[in-house]
Amino acid sequence: MADNLVLTDHDAIRDWAAARMGSPAVVDVSPQAGIQPELRIVFDQAAYEDQDRPERPPNAGGYELVEWDEWFELFDAAELALVVPPERPGSLDSTHEFIRRDET
């Protein structure tokens, strides 16, 4: 666990996600729409499932795919960091965790 990488650089995060077919997403976890977004990175086929859903009312559950610029605005505003396992040859582990930057 001690050898995990802590990423805050936008390009490094985007590259890490792209290598694993990850896409930025947001889940609204507040009782009112757009008040308390929770960041996610969705992988593989899950990244495409959102596009097939009809328009949903706010707080209907599930995630919404967003552009990286919007995702990084929320990421930086919340002063988050992304913790990922180190690269291992032949393996693309998509395990990740969000922490506050002051916890690094």
PDB file of N, CA and C in Angstrom:
ATOM      1  N   MET A   1       0.815  -1.189   0.000  1.00  0.00           N
ATOM      2  CA  MET A   1       0.000   0.000   0.000  1.00  0.00           C
ATOM      3  C   MET A   1       0.861   1.256   0.000  1.00  0.00           C
ATOM      4  N   ALA A   2       2.017   1.184   0.636  1.00  0.00           N
ATOM      5  CA  ALA A   2       2.878   2.350   0.761  1.00  0.00           C
ATOM      6  C   ALA A   2       3.460   2.789  -0.579  1.00  0.00           C
ATOM      7  N   ASP A   3       3.452   1.884  -1.575  1.00  0.00           N
ATOM      8  CA  ASP A   3       4.034   2.258  -2.857  1.00  0.00           C
ATOM      9  C   ASP A   3       3.006   2.835  -3.829  1.00  0.00           C
ATOM     10  N   ASN A   4       1.800   3.126  -3.369  1.00  0.00           N
ATOM     11  CA  ASN A   4       0.776   3.732  -4.221  1.00  0.00           C
ATOM     12  C   ASN A   4       1.222   5.104  -4.699  1.00  0.00           C
ATOM     13  N   LEU A   5       0.709   5.495  -5.848  1.00  0.00           N
ATOM     14  CA  LEU A   5       1.000   6.811  -6.417  1.00  0.00           C
ATOM     15  C   LEU A   5      -0.124   7.771  -6.062  1.00  0.00           C
ATOM     16  N   VAL A   6       0.216   9.000  -5.748  1.00  0.00           N
ATOM     17  CA  VAL A   6      -0.760  10.045  -5.467  1.00  0.00           C
ATOM     18  C   VAL A   6      -0.693  11.042  -6.618  1.00  0.00           C
ATOM     19  N   LEU A   7      -1.781  11.132  -7.367  1.00  0.00           N
ATOM     20  CA  LEU A   7      -1.822  11.980  -8.559  1.00  0.00           C
ATOM     21  C   LEU A   7      -2.691  13.213  -8.332  1.00  0.00           C
ATOM     22  N   THR A   8      -2.143  14.359  -8.694  1.00  0.00           N
ATOM     23  CA  THR A   8      -2.924  15.596  -8.709  1.00  0.00           C
ATOM     24  C   THR A   8      -2.797  16.294 -10.064  1.00  0.00           C
ATOM     25  N   ASP A   9      -1.789  15.936 -10.830  1.00  0.00           N
ATOM     26  CA  ASP A   9      -1.559  16.534 -12.144  1.00  0.00           C
ATOM     27  C   ASP A   9      -2.655  16.078 -13.108  1.00  0.00           C
ATOM     28  N   HIS A  10      -3.297  17.021 -13.763  1.00  0.00           N
ATOM     29  CA  HIS A  10      -4.416  16.717 -14.640  1.00  0.00           C
ATOM     30  C   HIS A  10      -4.024  15.776 -15.767  1.00  0.00           C
ATOM     31  N   ASP A  11      -2.884  16.033 -16.415  1.00  0.00           N
ATOM     32  CA  ASP A  11      -2.461  15.174 -17.519  1.00  0.00           C
ATOM     33  C   ASP A  11      -2.163  13.761 -17.043  1.00  0.00           C
ATOM     34  N   ALA A  12      -1.540  13.626 -15.881  1.00  0.00           N
ATOM     35  CA  ALA A  12      -1.229  12.301 -15.343  1.00  0.00           C
ATOM     36  C   ALA A  12      -2.510  11.526 -15.031  1.00  0.00           C
ATOM     37  N   ILE A  13      -3.508  12.195 -14.486  1.00  0.00           N
ATOM     38  CA  ILE A  13      -4.787  11.543 -14.171  1.00  0.00           C
ATOM     39  C   ILE A  13      -5.500  11.150 -15.455  1.00  0.00           C
ATOM     40  N   ARG A  14      -5.538  12.050 -16.409  1.00  0.00           N
ATOM     41  CA  ARG A  14      -6.204  11.765 -17.682  1.00  0.00           C
ATOM     42  C   ARG A  14      -5.520  10.596 -18.402  1.00  0.00           C
ATOM     43  N   ASP A  15      -4.183  10.576 -18.391  1.00  0.00           N
ATOM     44  CA  ASP A  15      -3.446   9.478 -19.022  1.00  0.00           C
ATOM     45  C   ASP A  15      -3.700   8.160 -18.309  1.00  0.00           C
ATOM     46  N   TRP A  16      -3.713   8.190 -16.967  1.00  0.00           N
ATOM     47  CA  TRP A  16      -3.967   6.976 -16.188  1.00  0.00           C
ATOM     48  C   TRP A  16      -5.351   6.419 -16.539  1.00  0.00           C
ATOM     49  N   ALA A  17      -6.357   7.288 -16.575  1.00  0.00           N
ATOM     50  CA  ALA A  17      -7.721   6.854 -16.884  1.00  0.00           C
ATOM     51  C   ALA A  17      -7.826   6.364 -18.328  1.00  0.00           C
ATOM     52  N   ALA A  18      -7.222   7.067 -19.258  1.00  0.00           N
ATOM     53  CA  ALA A  18      -7.306   6.689 -20.670  1.00  0.00           C
ATOM     54  C   ALA A  18      -6.690   5.314 -20.915  1.00  0.00           C
ATOM     55  N   ALA A  19      -5.616   5.003 -20.235  1.00  0.00           N
ATOM     56  CA  ALA A  19      -4.971   3.698 -20.393  1.00  0.00           C
ATOM     57  C   ALA A  19      -5.887   2.563 -19.954  1.00  0.00           C
ATOM     58  N   ARG A  20      -6.878   2.878 -19.127  1.00  0.00           N
ATOM     59  CA  ARG A  20      -7.812   1.876 -18.598  1.00  0.00           C
ATOM     60  C   ARG A  20      -9.221   2.053 -19.151  1.00  0.00           C
ATOM     61  N   MET A  21      -9.336   2.850 -20.213  1.00  0.00           N
ATOM     62  CA  MET A  21     -10.631   3.166 -20.824  1.00  0.00           C
ATOM     63  C   MET A  21     -11.567   3.803 -19.812  1.00  0.00           C
ATOM     64  N   GLY A  22     -11.035   4.699 -18.984  1.00  0.00           N
ATOM     65  CA  GLY A  22     -11.826   5.383 -17.973  1.00  0.00           C
ATOM     66  C   GLY A  22     -12.349   6.716 -18.472  1.00  0.00           C
ATOM     67  N   SER A  23     -13.512   7.071 -17.991  1.00  0.00           N
ATOM     68  CA  SER A  23     -14.144   8.337 -18.355  1.00  0.00           C
ATOM     69  C   SER A  23     -14.577   9.077 -17.097  1.00  0.00           C
ATOM     70  N   PRO A  24     -14.501  10.415 -17.117  1.00  0.00           N
ATOM     71  CA  PRO A  24     -14.914  11.196 -15.949  1.00  0.00           C
ATOM     72  C   PRO A  24     -16.427  11.205 -15.801  1.00  0.00           C
ATOM     73  N   ALA A  25     -16.871  11.098 -14.565  1.00  0.00           N
ATOM     74  CA  ALA A  25     -18.305  11.088 -14.291  1.00  0.00           C
ATOM     75  C   ALA A  25     -18.567  11.752 -12.948  1.00  0.00           C
ATOM     76  N   VAL A  26     -19.810  12.163 -12.769  1.00  0.00           N
ATOM     77  CA  VAL A  26     -20.246  12.811 -11.532  1.00  0.00           C
ATOM     78  C   VAL A  26     -21.553  12.177 -11.091  1.00  0.00           C
ATOM     79  N   VAL A  27     -21.689  11.972  -9.788  1.00  0.00           N
ATOM     80  CA  VAL A  27     -22.937  11.519  -9.191  1.00  0.00           C
ATOM     81  C   VAL A  27     -23.402  12.628  -8.257  1.00  0.00           C
ATOM     82  N   ASP A  28     -24.644  13.044  -8.395  1.00  0.00           N
ATOM     83  CA  ASP A  28     -25.186  14.064  -7.504  1.00  0.00           C
ATOM     84  C   ASP A  28     -25.718  13.359  -6.260  1.00  0.00           C
ATOM     85  N   VAL A  29     -25.083  13.592  -5.124  1.00  0.00           N
ATOM     86  CA  VAL A  29     -25.456  12.900  -3.885  1.00  0.00           C
ATOM     87  C   VAL A  29     -26.232  13.790  -2.923  1.00  0.00           C
ATOM     88  N   SER A  30     -26.687  14.933  -3.399  1.00  0.00           N
ATOM     89  CA  SER A  30     -27.409  15.854  -2.525  1.00  0.00           C
ATOM     90  C   SER A  30     -28.917  15.717  -2.728  1.00  0.00           C
ATOM     91  N   PRO A  31     -29.695  16.216  -1.790  1.00  0.00           N
ATOM     92  CA  PRO A  31     -31.147  16.191  -1.967  1.00  0.00           C
ATOM     93  C   PRO A  31     -31.627  17.167  -3.039  1.00  0.00           C
ATOM     94  N   GLN A  32     -30.796  18.161  -3.376  1.00  0.00           N
ATOM     95  CA  GLN A  32     -31.142  19.115  -4.429  1.00  0.00           C
ATOM     96  C   GLN A  32     -30.134  18.954  -5.554  1.00  0.00           C
ATOM     97  N   ALA A  33     -30.580  19.019  -6.792  1.00  0.00           N
ATOM     98  CA  ALA A  33     -29.718  18.794  -7.947  1.00  0.00           C
ATOM     99  C   ALA A  33     -28.555  19.773  -8.000  1.00  0.00           C
ATOM    100  N   GLY A  34     -27.393  19.250  -8.353  1.00  0.00           N
ATOM    101  CA  GLY A  34     -26.240  20.086  -8.614  1.00  0.00           C
ATOM    102  C   GLY A  34     -25.583  20.711  -7.410  1.00  0.00           C
ATOM    103  N   ILE A  35     -25.913  20.303  -6.217  1.00  0.00           N
ATOM    104  CA  ILE A  35     -25.371  20.936  -5.021  1.00  0.00           C
ATOM    105  C   ILE A  35     -24.132  20.210  -4.502  1.00  0.00           C
ATOM    106  N   GLN A  36     -24.158  18.890  -4.495  1.00  0.00           N
ATOM    107  CA  GLN A  36     -23.093  18.119  -3.885  1.00  0.00           C
ATOM    108  C   GLN A  36     -22.646  17.005  -4.828  1.00  0.00           C
ATOM    109  N   PRO A  37     -21.801  17.316  -5.817  1.00  0.00           N
ATOM    110  CA  PRO A  37     -21.375  16.286  -6.756  1.00  0.00           C
ATOM    111  C   PRO A  37     -20.277  15.404  -6.153  1.00  0.00           C
ATOM    112  N   GLU A  38     -20.336  14.127  -6.476  1.00  0.00           N
ATOM    113  CA  GLU A  38     -19.298  13.186  -6.079  1.00  0.00           C
ATOM    114  C   GLU A  38     -18.603  12.728  -7.354  1.00  0.00           C
ATOM    115  N   LEU A  39     -17.284  12.817  -7.387  1.00  0.00           N
ATOM    116  CA  LEU A  39     -16.529  12.456  -8.580  1.00  0.00           C
ATOM    117  C   LEU A  39     -16.382  10.951  -8.701  1.00  0.00           C
ATOM    118  N   ARG A  40     -16.370  10.497  -9.935  1.00  0.00           N
ATOM    119  CA  ARG A  40     -16.152   9.087 -10.248  1.00  0.00           C
ATOM    120  C   ARG A  40     -15.297   9.001 -11.507  1.00  0.00           C
ATOM    121  N   ILE A  41     -14.686   7.867 -11.680  1.00  0.00           N
ATOM    122  CA  ILE A  41     -14.108   7.488 -12.964  1.00  0.00           C
ATOM    123  C   ILE A  41     -14.749   6.150 -13.284  1.00  0.00           C
ATOM    124  N   VAL A  42     -15.429   6.076 -14.421  1.00  0.00           N
ATOM    125  CA  VAL A  42     -16.084   4.834 -14.821  1.00  0.00           C
ATOM    126  C   VAL A  42     -15.263   4.194 -15.937  1.00  0.00           C
ATOM    127  N   PHE A  43     -15.254   2.870 -15.944  1.00  0.00           N
ATOM    128  CA  PHE A  43     -14.357   2.136 -16.834  1.00  0.00           C
ATOM    129  C   PHE A  43     -15.103   1.231 -17.792  1.00  0.00           C
ATOM    130  N   ASP A  44     -14.422   0.938 -18.891  1.00  0.00           N
ATOM    131  CA  ASP A  44     -14.858  -0.042 -19.879  1.00  0.00           C
ATOM    132  C   ASP A  44     -16.265   0.254 -20.381  1.00  0.00           C
ATOM    133  N   GLN A  45     -17.078  -0.789 -20.455  1.00  0.00           N
ATOM    134  CA  GLN A  45     -18.427  -0.657 -20.991  1.00  0.00           C
ATOM    135  C   GLN A  45     -19.300   0.277 -20.164  1.00  0.00           C
ATOM    136  N   ALA A  46     -19.041   0.377 -18.874  1.00  0.00           N
ATOM    137  CA  ALA A  46     -19.844   1.256 -18.016  1.00  0.00           C
ATOM    138  C   ALA A  46     -19.793   2.706 -18.498  1.00  0.00           C
ATOM    139  N   ALA A  47     -18.705   3.086 -19.147  1.00  0.00           N
ATOM    140  CA  ALA A  47     -18.576   4.457 -19.638  1.00  0.00           C
ATOM    141  C   ALA A  47     -19.556   4.737 -20.771  1.00  0.00           C
ATOM    142  N   TYR A  48     -20.013   3.695 -21.443  1.00  0.00           N
ATOM    143  CA  TYR A  48     -20.917   3.890 -22.571  1.00  0.00           C
ATOM    144  C   TYR A  48     -22.373   3.684 -22.193  1.00  0.00           C
ATOM    145  N   GLU A  49     -22.645   3.024 -21.096  1.00  0.00           N
ATOM    146  CA  GLU A  49     -24.013   2.749 -20.696  1.00  0.00           C
ATOM    147  C   GLU A  49     -24.791   4.023 -20.406  1.00  0.00           C
ATOM    148  N   ASP A  50     -24.130   5.043 -19.870  1.00  0.00           N
ATOM    149  CA  ASP A  50     -24.820   6.292 -19.550  1.00  0.00           C
ATOM    150  C   ASP A  50     -25.400   6.943 -20.800  1.00  0.00           C
ATOM    151  N   GLN A  51     -24.743   6.792 -21.925  1.00  0.00           N
ATOM    152  CA  GLN A  51     -25.195   7.429 -23.152  1.00  0.00           C
ATOM    153  C   GLN A  51     -26.496   6.822 -23.673  1.00  0.00           C
ATOM    154  N   ASP A  52     -26.788   5.597 -23.271  1.00  0.00           N
ATOM    155  CA  ASP A  52     -27.987   4.927 -23.750  1.00  0.00           C
ATOM    156  C   ASP A  52     -29.212   5.213 -22.891  1.00  0.00           C
ATOM    157  N   ARG A  53     -29.035   5.884 -21.791  1.00  0.00           N
ATOM    158  CA  ARG A  53     -30.156   6.149 -20.884  1.00  0.00           C
ATOM    159  C   ARG A  53     -30.935   7.375 -21.346  1.00  0.00           C
ATOM    160  N   PRO A  54     -32.233   7.358 -21.181  1.00  0.00           N
ATOM    161  CA  PRO A  54     -33.008   8.569 -21.487  1.00  0.00           C
ATOM    162  C   PRO A  54     -32.688   9.647 -20.457  1.00  0.00           C
ATOM    163  N   GLU A  55     -33.079  10.871 -20.753  1.00  0.00           N
ATOM    164  CA  GLU A  55     -32.875  11.961 -19.789  1.00  0.00           C
ATOM    165  C   GLU A  55     -33.527  11.588 -18.467  1.00  0.00           C
ATOM    166  N   ARG A  56     -32.792  11.816 -17.400  1.00  0.00           N
ATOM    167  CA  ARG A  56     -33.302  11.475 -16.075  1.00  0.00           C
ATOM    168  C   ARG A  56     -33.522  12.749 -15.277  1.00  0.00           C
ATOM    169  N   PRO A  57     -34.481  12.727 -14.390  1.00  0.00           N
ATOM    170  CA  PRO A  57     -34.654  13.891 -13.513  1.00  0.00           C
ATOM    171  C   PRO A  57     -33.463  13.983 -12.561  1.00  0.00           C
ATOM    172  N   PRO A  58     -33.195  15.166 -12.018  1.00  0.00           N
ATOM    173  CA  PRO A  58     -32.108  15.310 -11.053  1.00  0.00           C
ATOM    174  C   PRO A  58     -32.261  14.319  -9.911  1.00  0.00           C
ATOM    175  N   ASN A  59     -31.129  13.792  -9.465  1.00  0.00           N
ATOM    176  CA  ASN A  59     -31.069  12.872  -8.322  1.00  0.00           C
ATOM    177  C   ASN A  59     -31.801  11.552  -8.572  1.00  0.00           C
ATOM    178  N   ALA A  60     -31.893  11.144  -9.829  1.00  0.00           N
ATOM    179  CA  ALA A  60     -32.556   9.885 -10.143  1.00  0.00           C
ATOM    180  C   ALA A  60     -31.633   8.702  -9.904  1.00  0.00           C
ATOM    181  N   GLY A  61     -30.420   8.977  -9.521  1.00  0.00           N
ATOM    182  CA  GLY A  61     -29.461   7.906  -9.296  1.00  0.00           C
ATOM    183  C   GLY A  61     -28.562   7.722 -10.500  1.00  0.00           C
ATOM    184  N   GLY A  62     -27.504   6.990 -10.302  1.00  0.00           N
ATOM    185  CA  GLY A  62     -26.567   6.762 -11.389  1.00  0.00           C
ATOM    186  C   GLY A  62     -25.620   7.932 -11.559  1.00  0.00           C
ATOM    187  N   TYR A  63     -24.792   7.826 -12.552  1.00  0.00           N
ATOM    188  CA  TYR A  63     -23.789   8.854 -12.796  1.00  0.00           C
ATOM    189  C   TYR A  63     -24.062   9.563 -14.111  1.00  0.00           C
ATOM    190  N   GLU A  64     -23.419  10.696 -14.261  1.00  0.00           N
ATOM    191  CA  GLU A  64     -23.497  11.461 -15.503  1.00  0.00           C
ATOM    192  C   GLU A  64     -22.079  11.637 -16.015  1.00  0.00           C
ATOM    193  N   LEU A  65     -21.839  11.238 -17.255  1.00  0.00           N
ATOM    194  CA  LEU A  65     -20.524  11.476 -17.857  1.00  0.00           C
ATOM    195  C   LEU A  65     -20.357  12.969 -18.082  1.00  0.00           C
ATOM    196  N   VAL A  66     -19.180  13.475 -17.778  1.00  0.00           N
ATOM    197  CA  VAL A  66     -18.890  14.896 -17.947  1.00  0.00           C
ATOM    198  C   VAL A  66     -17.569  15.047 -18.691  1.00  0.00           C
ATOM    199  N   GLU A  67     -17.294  16.245 -19.120  1.00  0.00           N
ATOM    200  CA  GLU A  67     -16.013  16.534 -19.768  1.00  0.00           C
ATOM    201  C   GLU A  67     -14.925  16.616 -18.703  1.00  0.00           C
ATOM    202  N   TRP A  68     -13.691  16.340 -19.094  1.00  0.00           N
ATOM    203  CA  TRP A  68     -12.579  16.411 -18.142  1.00  0.00           C
ATOM    204  C   TRP A  68     -12.452  17.795 -17.521  1.00  0.00           C
ATOM    205  N   ASP A  69     -12.673  18.854 -18.285  1.00  0.00           N
ATOM    206  CA  ASP A  69     -12.531  20.212 -17.738  1.00  0.00           C
ATOM    207  C   ASP A  69     -13.467  20.429 -16.556  1.00  0.00           C
ATOM    208  N   GLU A  70     -14.720  20.018 -16.704  1.00  0.00           N
ATOM    209  CA  GLU A  70     -15.692  20.159 -15.614  1.00  0.00           C
ATOM    210  C   GLU A  70     -15.285  19.286 -14.423  1.00  0.00           C
ATOM    211  N   TRP A  71     -14.843  18.065 -14.694  1.00  0.00           N
ATOM    212  CA  TRP A  71     -14.432  17.131 -13.650  1.00  0.00           C
ATOM    213  C   TRP A  71     -13.248  17.698 -12.861  1.00  0.00           C
ATOM    214  N   PHE A  72     -12.255  18.246 -13.574  1.00  0.00           N
ATOM    215  CA  PHE A  72     -11.078  18.797 -12.897  1.00  0.00           C
ATOM    216  C   PHE A  72     -11.399  20.060 -12.102  1.00  0.00           C
ATOM    217  N   GLU A  73     -12.376  20.842 -12.539  1.00  0.00           N
ATOM    218  CA  GLU A  73     -12.794  21.997 -11.735  1.00  0.00           C
ATOM    219  C   GLU A  73     -13.288  21.533 -10.370  1.00  0.00           C
ATOM    220  N   LEU A  74     -14.114  20.508 -10.355  1.00  0.00           N
ATOM    221  CA  LEU A  74     -14.623  19.956  -9.098  1.00  0.00           C
ATOM    222  C   LEU A  74     -13.505  19.301  -8.294  1.00  0.00           C
ATOM    223  N   PHE A  75     -12.623  18.592  -8.956  1.00  0.00           N
ATOM    224  CA  PHE A  75     -11.481  17.910  -8.337  1.00  0.00           C
ATOM    225  C   PHE A  75     -10.584  18.911  -7.613  1.00  0.00           C
ATOM    226  N   ASP A  76     -10.249  20.006  -8.301  1.00  0.00           N
ATOM    227  CA  ASP A  76      -9.379  21.029  -7.709  1.00  0.00           C
ATOM    228  C   ASP A  76     -10.099  21.819  -6.616  1.00  0.00           C
ATOM    229  N   ALA A  77     -11.367  22.138  -6.821  1.00  0.00           N
ATOM    230  CA  ALA A  77     -12.123  22.900  -5.829  1.00  0.00           C
ATOM    231  C   ALA A  77     -12.221  22.135  -4.509  1.00  0.00           C
ATOM    232  N   ALA A  78     -12.338  20.817  -4.599  1.00  0.00           N
ATOM    233  CA  ALA A  78     -12.426  19.987  -3.395  1.00  0.00           C
ATOM    234  C   ALA A  78     -11.043  19.606  -2.862  1.00  0.00           C
ATOM    235  N   GLU A  79      -9.998  20.062  -3.544  1.00  0.00           N
ATOM    236  CA  GLU A  79      -8.606  19.771  -3.167  1.00  0.00           C
ATOM    237  C   GLU A  79      -8.381  18.270  -2.990  1.00  0.00           C
ATOM    238  N   LEU A  80      -8.767  17.530  -4.036  1.00  0.00           N
ATOM    239  CA  LEU A  80      -8.632  16.080  -4.005  1.00  0.00           C
ATOM    240  C   LEU A  80      -7.352  15.619  -4.679  1.00  0.00           C
ATOM    241  N   ALA A  81      -6.971  14.394  -4.389  1.00  0.00           N
ATOM    242  CA  ALA A  81      -5.885  13.694  -5.056  1.00  0.00           C
ATOM    243  C   ALA A  81      -6.407  12.311  -5.400  1.00  0.00           C
ATOM    244  N   LEU A  82      -5.839  11.715  -6.424  1.00  0.00           N
ATOM    245  CA  LEU A  82      -6.227  10.372  -6.837  1.00  0.00           C
ATOM    246  C   LEU A  82      -5.097   9.419  -6.466  1.00  0.00           C
ATOM    247  N   VAL A  83      -5.411   8.408  -5.684  1.00  0.00           N
ATOM    248  CA  VAL A  83      -4.426   7.417  -5.262  1.00  0.00           C
ATOM    249  C   VAL A  83      -4.627   6.177  -6.120  1.00  0.00           C
ATOM    250  N   VAL A  84      -3.542   5.733  -6.775  1.00  0.00           N
ATOM    251  CA  VAL A  84      -3.595   4.568  -7.663  1.00  0.00           C
ATOM    252  C   VAL A  84      -2.417   3.645  -7.361  1.00  0.00           C
ATOM    253  N   PRO A  85      -2.558   2.363  -7.690  1.00  0.00           N
ATOM    254  CA  PRO A  85      -1.434   1.457  -7.488  1.00  0.00           C
ATOM    255  C   PRO A  85      -0.342   1.743  -8.513  1.00  0.00           C
ATOM    256  N   PRO A  86       0.889   1.360  -8.216  1.00  0.00           N
ATOM    257  CA  PRO A  86       1.977   1.583  -9.171  1.00  0.00           C
ATOM    258  C   PRO A  86       1.763   0.743 -10.431  1.00  0.00           C
ATOM    259  N   GLU A  87       2.327   1.201 -11.532  1.00  0.00           N
ATOM    260  CA  GLU A  87       2.248   0.467 -12.788  1.00  0.00           C
ATOM    261  C   GLU A  87       3.001  -0.848 -12.648  1.00  0.00           C
ATOM    262  N   ARG A  88       2.410  -1.912 -13.139  1.00  0.00           N
ATOM    263  CA  ARG A  88       3.052  -3.220 -13.156  1.00  0.00           C
ATOM    264  C   ARG A  88       3.001  -3.747 -14.593  1.00  0.00           C
ATOM    265  N   PRO A  89       4.108  -4.236 -15.117  1.00  0.00           N
ATOM    266  CA  PRO A  89       4.124  -4.748 -16.489  1.00  0.00           C
ATOM    267  C   PRO A  89       3.045  -5.812 -16.701  1.00  0.00           C
ATOM    268  N   GLY A  90       2.280  -5.654 -17.777  1.00  0.00           N
ATOM    269  CA  GLY A  90       1.256  -6.630 -18.132  1.00  0.00           C
ATOM    270  C   GLY A  90      -0.043  -6.499 -17.368  1.00  0.00           C
ATOM    271  N   SER A  91      -0.185  -5.463 -16.552  1.00  0.00           N
ATOM    272  CA  SER A  91      -1.395  -5.309 -15.749  1.00  0.00           C
ATOM    273  C   SER A  91      -1.833  -3.850 -15.738  1.00  0.00           C
ATOM    274  N   LEU A  92      -3.121  -3.639 -15.942  1.00  0.00           N
ATOM    275  CA  LEU A  92      -3.680  -2.290 -15.845  1.00  0.00           C
ATOM    276  C   LEU A  92      -4.742  -2.301 -14.758  1.00  0.00           C
ATOM    277  N   ASP A  93      -4.328  -2.109 -13.548  1.00  0.00           N
ATOM    278  CA  ASP A  93      -5.221  -2.117 -12.392  1.00  0.00           C
ATOM    279  C   ASP A  93      -5.991  -0.796 -12.356  1.00  0.00           C
ATOM    280  N   SER A  94      -7.321  -0.876 -12.308  1.00  0.00           N
ATOM    281  CA  SER A  94      -8.128   0.352 -12.277  1.00  0.00           C
ATOM    282  C   SER A  94      -8.545   0.726 -10.853  1.00  0.00           C
ATOM    283  N   THR A  95      -7.980   0.053  -9.857  1.00  0.00           N
ATOM    284  CA  THR A  95      -8.269   0.391  -8.470  1.00  0.00           C
ATOM    285  C   THR A  95      -7.830   1.820  -8.202  1.00  0.00           C
ATOM    286  N   HIS A  96      -8.675   2.595  -7.570  1.00  0.00           N
ATOM    287  CA  HIS A  96      -8.327   3.983  -7.267  1.00  0.00           C
ATOM    288  C   HIS A  96      -9.140   4.454  -6.068  1.00  0.00           C
ATOM    289  N   GLU A  97      -8.662   5.565  -5.515  1.00  0.00           N
ATOM    290  CA  GLU A  97      -9.328   6.148  -4.347  1.00  0.00           C
ATOM    291  C   GLU A  97      -9.102   7.656  -4.386  1.00  0.00           C
ATOM    292  N   PHE A  98     -10.106   8.400  -3.986  1.00  0.00           N
ATOM    293  CA  PHE A  98      -9.964   9.848  -3.858  1.00  0.00           C
ATOM    294  C   PHE A  98      -9.674  10.175  -2.402  1.00  0.00           C
ATOM    295  N   ILE A  99      -8.696  11.037  -2.194  1.00  0.00           N
ATOM    296  CA  ILE A  99      -8.391  11.535  -0.849  1.00  0.00           C
ATOM    297  C   ILE A  99      -8.221  13.036  -0.925  1.00  0.00           C
ATOM    298  N   ARG A 100      -8.288  13.676   0.217  1.00  0.00           N
ATOM    299  CA  ARG A 100      -7.993  15.109   0.269  1.00  0.00           C
ATOM    300  C   ARG A 100      -6.488  15.294   0.168  1.00  0.00           C
ATOM    301  N   ARG A 101      -6.063  16.329  -0.526  1.00  0.00           N
ATOM    302  CA  ARG A 101      -4.637  16.567  -0.737  1.00  0.00           C
ATOM    303  C   ARG A 101      -3.881  16.754   0.565  1.00  0.00           C
ATOM    304  N   ASP A 102      -4.535  17.282   1.589  1.00  0.00           N
ATOM    305  CA  ASP A 102      -3.834  17.487   2.851  1.00  0.00           C
ATOM    306  C   ASP A 102      -3.617  16.175   3.601  1.00  0.00           C
ATOM    307  N   GLU A 103      -4.137  15.069   3.081  1.00  0.00           N
ATOM    308  CA  GLU A 103      -3.926  13.765   3.697  1.00  0.00           C
ATOM    309  C   GLU A 103      -2.711  13.050   3.114  1.00  0.00           C
ATOM    310  N   THR A 104      -2.068  13.641   2.107  1.00  0.00           N
ATOM    311  CA  THR A 104      -0.923  12.983   1.465  1.00  0.00           C
ATOM    312  C   THR A 104       0.349  13.165   2.260  1.00  0.00           C
TER     313      THR A 104
END
